[in-house]
Amino acid sequence: MSATYEQLADILAEELGQLREELDPALTFDDLGFDSLALLELGVVVQERLGFLIEGIGLRSTLAEAAALLDAASATAATGPAA
């Protein structure tokens, strides 16, 4: 898996109480028992730890999809928004 997925998995385990060994890229946040408040908390933690906002993640998003969105947000933060 990508480094971004690994960072996401670390955040889920260290900050949000998920068992690291049970995380799988195909799992959705709903599968993990998240609700909208938990997704909001994830967004805050990601912003604190990685320095950028994540958008477009919902309860039916998989961890792999979330990692891809984080990759895109990271690239945008590094290069600036497209003109």
C-alpha atoms as a PDB file:
ATOM      1  CA  MET A   1       0.000   0.000   0.000  1.00  0.00           C
ATOM      2  CA  SER A   2       0.986   3.615  -0.418  1.00  0.00           C
ATOM      3  CA  ALA A   3       2.711   5.715   2.197  1.00  0.00           C
ATOM      4  CA  THR A   4      -0.466   7.796   2.431  1.00  0.00           C
ATOM      5  CA  TYR A   5      -2.541   4.713   3.217  1.00  0.00           C
ATOM      6  CA  GLU A   6      -0.019   3.814   5.922  1.00  0.00           C
ATOM      7  CA  GLN A   7      -0.315   7.330   7.415  1.00  0.00           C
ATOM      8  CA  LEU A   8      -4.103   7.048   7.365  1.00  0.00           C
ATOM      9  CA  ALA A   9      -3.972   3.632   9.025  1.00  0.00           C
ATOM     10  CA  ASP A  10      -1.602   5.006  11.673  1.00  0.00           C
ATOM     11  CA  ILE A  11      -4.005   7.871  12.403  1.00  0.00           C
ATOM     12  CA  LEU A  12      -6.948   5.496  12.639  1.00  0.00           C
ATOM     13  CA  ALA A  13      -5.062   3.248  15.054  1.00  0.00           C
ATOM     14  CA  GLU A  14      -3.251   5.841  17.161  1.00  0.00           C
ATOM     15  CA  GLU A  15      -5.890   8.563  17.344  1.00  0.00           C
ATOM     16  CA  LEU A  16      -9.243   6.881  16.744  1.00  0.00           C
ATOM     17  CA  GLY A  17      -8.852   3.515  18.452  1.00  0.00           C
ATOM     18  CA  GLN A  18      -8.964   1.192  15.457  1.00  0.00           C
ATOM     19  CA  LEU A  19      -6.944  -2.013  15.589  1.00  0.00           C
ATOM     20  CA  ARG A  20      -4.154  -1.614  13.030  1.00  0.00           C
ATOM     21  CA  GLU A  21      -4.059  -5.298  12.130  1.00  0.00           C
ATOM     22  CA  GLU A  22      -7.786  -5.261  11.282  1.00  0.00           C
ATOM     23  CA  LEU A  23      -7.582  -2.352   8.846  1.00  0.00           C
ATOM     24  CA  ASP A  24      -7.896  -3.196   5.173  1.00  0.00           C
ATOM     25  CA  PRO A  25      -7.951  -0.845   2.159  1.00  0.00           C
ATOM     26  CA  ALA A  26     -11.307  -2.281   1.035  1.00  0.00           C
ATOM     27  CA  LEU A  27     -13.080  -1.457   4.309  1.00  0.00           C
ATOM     28  CA  THR A  28     -15.412   1.532   4.389  1.00  0.00           C
ATOM     29  CA  PHE A  29     -15.657   3.938   7.278  1.00  0.00           C
ATOM     30  CA  ASP A  30     -19.138   2.533   7.851  1.00  0.00           C
ATOM     31  CA  ASP A  31     -17.573  -0.949   8.150  1.00  0.00           C
ATOM     32  CA  LEU A  32     -15.325   0.485  10.878  1.00  0.00           C
ATOM     33  CA  GLY A  33     -18.359   1.753  12.790  1.00  0.00           C
ATOM     34  CA  PHE A  34     -17.777   5.423  12.025  1.00  0.00           C
ATOM     35  CA  ASP A  35     -20.536   7.984  12.073  1.00  0.00           C
ATOM     36  CA  SER A  36     -20.456  11.556  10.775  1.00  0.00           C
ATOM     37  CA  LEU A  37     -18.932  12.829  14.015  1.00  0.00           C
ATOM     38  CA  ALA A  38     -16.084  10.294  13.793  1.00  0.00           C
ATOM     39  CA  LEU A  39     -15.411  11.395  10.188  1.00  0.00           C
ATOM     40  CA  LEU A  40     -15.268  14.993  11.377  1.00  0.00           C
ATOM     41  CA  GLU A  41     -12.789  13.988  14.076  1.00  0.00           C
ATOM     42  CA  LEU A  42     -10.704  12.177  11.461  1.00  0.00           C
ATOM     43  CA  GLY A  43     -10.641  15.341   9.362  1.00  0.00           C
ATOM     44  CA  VAL A  44      -9.404  17.385  12.322  1.00  0.00           C
ATOM     45  CA  VAL A  45      -6.668  14.870  13.155  1.00  0.00           C
ATOM     46  CA  VAL A  46      -5.545  14.658   9.510  1.00  0.00           C
ATOM     47  CA  GLN A  47      -5.342  18.438   9.329  1.00  0.00           C
ATOM     48  CA  GLU A  48      -3.316  18.588  12.558  1.00  0.00           C
ATOM     49  CA  ARG A  49      -0.922  15.785  11.587  1.00  0.00           C
ATOM     50  CA  LEU A  50      -0.594  16.229   7.827  1.00  0.00           C
ATOM     51  CA  GLY A  51      -1.319  19.936   7.458  1.00  0.00           C
ATOM     52  CA  PHE A  52      -4.173  19.914   4.957  1.00  0.00           C
ATOM     53  CA  LEU A  53      -7.923  19.416   4.764  1.00  0.00           C
ATOM     54  CA  ILE A  54      -9.488  16.351   3.247  1.00  0.00           C
ATOM     55  CA  GLU A  55     -12.738  16.627   1.342  1.00  0.00           C
ATOM     56  CA  GLY A  56     -15.010  14.149  -0.342  1.00  0.00           C
ATOM     57  CA  ILE A  57     -14.751  11.334   2.204  1.00  0.00           C
ATOM     58  CA  GLY A  58     -18.022   9.780   3.344  1.00  0.00           C
ATOM     59  CA  LEU A  59     -19.129   6.793   5.380  1.00  0.00           C
ATOM     60  CA  ARG A  60     -19.215   4.631   2.243  1.00  0.00           C
ATOM     61  CA  SER A  61     -15.675   5.641   1.194  1.00  0.00           C
ATOM     62  CA  THR A  62     -13.104   2.893   1.445  1.00  0.00           C
ATOM     63  CA  LEU A  63      -9.786   3.420   3.158  1.00  0.00           C
ATOM     64  CA  ALA A  64      -8.120   3.125  -0.264  1.00  0.00           C
ATOM     65  CA  GLU A  65     -10.381   5.864  -1.659  1.00  0.00           C
ATOM     66  CA  ALA A  66      -9.630   8.054   1.352  1.00  0.00           C
ATOM     67  CA  ALA A  67      -5.895   7.530   0.844  1.00  0.00           C
ATOM     68  CA  ALA A  68      -6.267   8.532  -2.823  1.00  0.00           C
ATOM     69  CA  LEU A  69      -8.110  11.713  -1.793  1.00  0.00           C
ATOM     70  CA  LEU A  70      -5.343  12.433   0.721  1.00  0.00           C
ATOM     71  CA  ASP A  71      -2.769  11.957  -2.045  1.00  0.00           C
ATOM     72  CA  ALA A  72      -4.662  14.450  -4.219  1.00  0.00           C
ATOM     73  CA  ALA A  73      -4.986  16.958  -1.347  1.00  0.00           C
ATOM     74  CA  SER A  74      -1.296  16.595  -0.606  1.00  0.00           C
ATOM     75  CA  ALA A  75      -0.362  17.202  -4.244  1.00  0.00           C
ATOM     76  CA  THR A  76      -2.614  20.263  -4.393  1.00  0.00           C
ATOM     77  CA  ALA A  77      -1.151  21.615  -1.155  1.00  0.00           C
ATOM     78  CA  ALA A  78       2.371  21.122  -2.499  1.00  0.00           C
ATOM     79  CA  THR A  79       1.793  22.719  -5.901  1.00  0.00           C
ATOM     80  CA  GLY A  80      -1.096  25.066  -5.193  1.00  0.00           C
ATOM     81  CA  PRO A  81      -4.535  24.935  -6.765  1.00  0.00           C
ATOM     82  CA  ALA A  82      -4.885  24.722 -10.532  1.00  0.00           C
ATOM     83  CA  ALA A  83      -5.559  28.034 -12.244  1.00  0.00           C
END
